[in-house]
Amino acid sequence: MCDDGDMPLSDDEQKILSQIEQQLHETDPDLANEVATTTVYTHAARNIKWSVLGFIIGLTVIVLTLSISFWVAFLGFAIMLAAALYFEQNMRKLGKAGMNQLSMRVGSGGLRNAAERNPFLRRFRPEGPES
């Protein structure tokens, strides 16, 4: 066993694994791309975004309806509470390792490299040495 507790693959197993990966890329390239780019933490991060949106919607409902109807404002509070609990639940699933992985992903290929991927933004990139 290795120091980190993982068993290394033998040469035959590595060859079989690479053949399986190659067949997957040939038969379903979209699935292969999705599997390559999706992590364990992607689902929890997506749920966190939805819960923040729900919290904002609940807050908006409270602000807009508190003077009109107490019960509708209370419904907005219930939406906010549910969104906050959903946020907390998914933050626990994400954990510290997931937050580190997502921040590294955003830092390395997210916003910094947007200009290289988007031709419209490339126009506004300063000329000269990389900053």
C-alpha atoms as a PDB file:
ATOM      1  CA  MET A   1       0.000   0.000   0.000  1.00  0.00           C
ATOM      2  CA  CYS A   2       1.051   3.594  -0.591  1.00  0.00           C
ATOM      3  CA  ASP A   3       1.480   6.117   2.188  1.00  0.00           C
ATOM      4  CA  ASP A   4      -1.815   7.839   1.369  1.00  0.00           C
ATOM      5  CA  GLY A   5      -3.787   4.580   1.603  1.00  0.00           C
ATOM      6  CA  ASP A   6      -4.442   4.127  -2.141  1.00  0.00           C
ATOM      7  CA  MET A   7      -3.427   1.034  -4.045  1.00  0.00           C
ATOM      8  CA  PRO A   8      -1.463   1.786  -7.220  1.00  0.00           C
ATOM      9  CA  LEU A   9      -2.753   0.269 -10.440  1.00  0.00           C
ATOM     10  CA  SER A  10      -0.710  -2.406 -12.145  1.00  0.00           C
ATOM     11  CA  ASP A  11       0.430  -1.884 -15.727  1.00  0.00           C
ATOM     12  CA  ASP A  12      -2.361  -4.151 -17.020  1.00  0.00           C
ATOM     13  CA  GLU A  13      -4.986  -2.273 -15.014  1.00  0.00           C
ATOM     14  CA  GLN A  14      -3.699   1.078 -16.263  1.00  0.00           C
ATOM     15  CA  LYS A  15      -3.840  -0.185 -19.848  1.00  0.00           C
ATOM     16  CA  ILE A  16      -7.408  -1.445 -19.380  1.00  0.00           C
ATOM     17  CA  LEU A  17      -8.431   1.855 -17.788  1.00  0.00           C
ATOM     18  CA  SER A  18      -6.955   3.886 -20.645  1.00  0.00           C
ATOM     19  CA  GLN A  19      -8.770   1.650 -23.175  1.00  0.00           C
ATOM     20  CA  ILE A  20     -12.056   2.203 -21.345  1.00  0.00           C
ATOM     21  CA  GLU A  21     -11.455   5.968 -21.311  1.00  0.00           C
ATOM     22  CA  GLN A  22     -10.616   5.947 -25.015  1.00  0.00           C
ATOM     23  CA  GLN A  23     -13.776   3.970 -25.833  1.00  0.00           C
ATOM     24  CA  LEU A  24     -15.846   6.408 -23.782  1.00  0.00           C
ATOM     25  CA  HIS A  25     -14.362   9.365 -25.681  1.00  0.00           C
ATOM     26  CA  GLU A  26     -15.126   7.646 -28.995  1.00  0.00           C
ATOM     27  CA  THR A  27     -18.685   6.530 -28.191  1.00  0.00           C
ATOM     28  CA  ASP A  28     -19.948   9.508 -26.171  1.00  0.00           C
ATOM     29  CA  PRO A  29     -17.636  12.534 -26.219  1.00  0.00           C
ATOM     30  CA  ASP A  30     -20.202  14.760 -24.461  1.00  0.00           C
ATOM     31  CA  LEU A  31     -20.441  12.398 -21.508  1.00  0.00           C
ATOM     32  CA  ALA A  32     -16.665  12.037 -21.377  1.00  0.00           C
ATOM     33  CA  ASN A  33     -16.281  15.817 -21.315  1.00  0.00           C
ATOM     34  CA  GLU A  34     -18.918  16.169 -18.591  1.00  0.00           C
ATOM     35  CA  VAL A  35     -17.273  13.482 -16.455  1.00  0.00           C
ATOM     36  CA  ALA A  36     -13.880  15.138 -16.910  1.00  0.00           C
ATOM     37  CA  THR A  37     -15.122  18.589 -15.873  1.00  0.00           C
ATOM     38  CA  THR A  38     -17.597  17.656 -13.127  1.00  0.00           C
ATOM     39  CA  THR A  39     -16.411  17.099  -9.583  1.00  0.00           C
ATOM     40  CA  VAL A  40     -18.055  15.626  -6.526  1.00  0.00           C
ATOM     41  CA  TYR A  41     -18.648  19.139  -5.230  1.00  0.00           C
ATOM     42  CA  THR A  42     -20.304  20.609  -8.331  1.00  0.00           C
ATOM     43  CA  HIS A  43     -23.819  19.565  -7.297  1.00  0.00           C
ATOM     44  CA  ALA A  44     -23.502  21.080  -3.809  1.00  0.00           C
ATOM     45  CA  ALA A  45     -22.097  24.320  -5.255  1.00  0.00           C
ATOM     46  CA  ARG A  46     -25.030  24.543  -7.679  1.00  0.00           C
ATOM     47  CA  ASN A  47     -27.469  24.015  -4.795  1.00  0.00           C
ATOM     48  CA  ILE A  48     -25.745  26.780  -2.827  1.00  0.00           C
ATOM     49  CA  LYS A  49     -26.310  29.179  -5.717  1.00  0.00           C
ATOM     50  CA  TRP A  50     -30.000  28.229  -5.830  1.00  0.00           C
ATOM     51  CA  SER A  51     -30.361  28.689  -2.084  1.00  0.00           C
ATOM     52  CA  VAL A  52     -28.842  32.187  -2.256  1.00  0.00           C
ATOM     53  CA  LEU A  53     -31.308  33.039  -5.014  1.00  0.00           C
ATOM     54  CA  GLY A  54     -34.166  31.681  -2.866  1.00  0.00           C
ATOM     55  CA  PHE A  55     -33.007  33.753   0.088  1.00  0.00           C
ATOM     56  CA  ILE A  56     -32.984  36.909  -2.051  1.00  0.00           C
ATOM     57  CA  ILE A  57     -36.456  36.108  -3.386  1.00  0.00           C
ATOM     58  CA  GLY A  58     -37.757  35.583   0.151  1.00  0.00           C
ATOM     59  CA  LEU A  59     -36.235  38.860   1.309  1.00  0.00           C
ATOM     60  CA  THR A  60     -37.784  40.659  -1.662  1.00  0.00           C
ATOM     61  CA  VAL A  61     -41.195  39.179  -0.837  1.00  0.00           C
ATOM     62  CA  ILE A  62     -40.874  40.383   2.763  1.00  0.00           C
ATOM     63  CA  VAL A  63     -39.858  43.910   1.803  1.00  0.00           C
ATOM     64  CA  LEU A  64     -42.533  44.305  -0.861  1.00  0.00           C
ATOM     65  CA  THR A  65     -45.455  42.788   1.051  1.00  0.00           C
ATOM     66  CA  LEU A  66     -44.925  43.596   4.729  1.00  0.00           C
ATOM     67  CA  SER A  67     -47.061  46.725   4.552  1.00  0.00           C
ATOM     68  CA  ILE A  68     -49.733  44.953   2.496  1.00  0.00           C
ATOM     69  CA  SER A  69     -50.177  41.570   4.140  1.00  0.00           C
ATOM     70  CA  PHE A  70     -48.569  40.020   7.171  1.00  0.00           C
ATOM     71  CA  TRP A  71     -49.237  36.494   5.919  1.00  0.00           C
ATOM     72  CA  VAL A  72     -47.591  37.005   2.548  1.00  0.00           C
ATOM     73  CA  ALA A  73     -44.602  38.567   4.309  1.00  0.00           C
ATOM     74  CA  PHE A  74     -44.513  35.559   6.631  1.00  0.00           C
ATOM     75  CA  LEU A  75     -44.454  33.343   3.523  1.00  0.00           C
ATOM     76  CA  GLY A  76     -41.406  35.330   2.370  1.00  0.00           C
ATOM     77  CA  PHE A  77     -39.806  34.691   5.768  1.00  0.00           C
ATOM     78  CA  ALA A  78     -40.529  30.968   5.414  1.00  0.00           C
ATOM     79  CA  ILE A  79     -38.885  31.002   1.975  1.00  0.00           C
ATOM     80  CA  MET A  80     -35.841  32.754   3.452  1.00  0.00           C
ATOM     81  CA  LEU A  81     -35.643  30.264   6.318  1.00  0.00           C
ATOM     82  CA  ALA A  82     -35.894  27.267   3.977  1.00  0.00           C
ATOM     83  CA  ALA A  83     -33.229  28.753   1.685  1.00  0.00           C
ATOM     84  CA  ALA A  84     -30.897  29.412   4.636  1.00  0.00           C
ATOM     85  CA  LEU A  85     -31.300  25.840   5.885  1.00  0.00           C
ATOM     86  CA  TYR A  86     -30.708  24.476   2.375  1.00  0.00           C
ATOM     87  CA  PHE A  87     -27.602  26.687   2.114  1.00  0.00           C
ATOM     88  CA  GLU A  88     -26.267  25.382   5.432  1.00  0.00           C
ATOM     89  CA  GLN A  89     -26.954  21.763   4.489  1.00  0.00           C
ATOM     90  CA  ASN A  90     -25.075  22.090   1.201  1.00  0.00           C
ATOM     91  CA  MET A  91     -22.190  23.963   2.821  1.00  0.00           C
ATOM     92  CA  ARG A  92     -21.774  20.976   5.142  1.00  0.00           C
ATOM     93  CA  LYS A  93     -21.770  18.641   2.131  1.00  0.00           C
ATOM     94  CA  LEU A  94     -19.250  20.839   0.380  1.00  0.00           C
ATOM     95  CA  GLY A  95     -16.941  21.047   3.373  1.00  0.00           C
ATOM     96  CA  LYS A  96     -13.511  22.608   3.506  1.00  0.00           C
ATOM     97  CA  ALA A  97     -12.035  20.377   0.793  1.00  0.00           C
ATOM     98  CA  GLY A  98     -14.828  21.219  -1.600  1.00  0.00           C
ATOM     99  CA  MET A  99     -14.462  24.944  -1.000  1.00  0.00           C
ATOM    100  CA  ASN A 100     -10.725  24.706  -1.662  1.00  0.00           C
ATOM    101  CA  GLN A 101     -11.279  22.736  -4.856  1.00  0.00           C
ATOM    102  CA  LEU A 102     -13.926  25.136  -6.160  1.00  0.00           C
ATOM    103  CA  SER A 103     -11.837  28.208  -5.358  1.00  0.00           C
ATOM    104  CA  MET A 104      -8.835  26.671  -7.147  1.00  0.00           C
ATOM    105  CA  ARG A 105     -11.054  25.849 -10.126  1.00  0.00           C
ATOM    106  CA  VAL A 106     -12.407  29.388 -10.318  1.00  0.00           C
ATOM    107  CA  GLY A 107      -8.939  30.865  -9.832  1.00  0.00           C
ATOM    108  CA  SER A 108      -7.222  28.751 -12.459  1.00  0.00           C
ATOM    109  CA  GLY A 109      -9.776  28.498 -15.211  1.00  0.00           C
ATOM    110  CA  GLY A 110     -12.684  30.654 -14.244  1.00  0.00           C
ATOM    111  CA  LEU A 111     -12.623  34.404 -14.315  1.00  0.00           C
ATOM    112  CA  ARG A 112      -8.928  34.945 -15.012  1.00  0.00           C
ATOM    113  CA  ASN A 113      -8.957  33.128 -18.322  1.00  0.00           C
ATOM    114  CA  ALA A 114     -12.297  34.493 -19.492  1.00  0.00           C
ATOM    115  CA  ALA A 115     -10.589  36.875 -21.918  1.00  0.00           C
ATOM    116  CA  GLU A 116      -8.842  34.013 -23.707  1.00  0.00           C
ATOM    117  CA  ARG A 117     -12.114  32.127 -24.167  1.00  0.00           C
ATOM    118  CA  ASN A 118     -14.287  35.112 -25.134  1.00  0.00           C
ATOM    119  CA  PRO A 119     -13.341  37.008 -28.299  1.00  0.00           C
ATOM    120  CA  PHE A 120     -15.340  40.070 -27.200  1.00  0.00           C
ATOM    121  CA  LEU A 121     -13.351  40.358 -23.966  1.00  0.00           C
ATOM    122  CA  ARG A 122     -10.073  39.743 -25.805  1.00  0.00           C
ATOM    123  CA  ARG A 123     -10.402  43.201 -27.373  1.00  0.00           C
ATOM    124  CA  PHE A 124     -10.189  44.851 -23.972  1.00  0.00           C
ATOM    125  CA  ARG A 125      -7.187  42.890 -22.758  1.00  0.00           C
ATOM    126  CA  PRO A 126      -4.107  45.100 -22.377  1.00  0.00           C
ATOM    127  CA  GLU A 127      -1.245  44.491 -24.778  1.00  0.00           C
ATOM    128  CA  GLY A 128       2.187  43.594 -23.453  1.00  0.00           C
ATOM    129  CA  PRO A 129       3.515  41.218 -20.788  1.00  0.00           C
ATOM    130  CA  GLU A 130       1.118  39.087 -18.836  1.00  0.00           C
ATOM    131  CA  SER A 131       0.087  40.587 -15.507  1.00  0.00           C
END
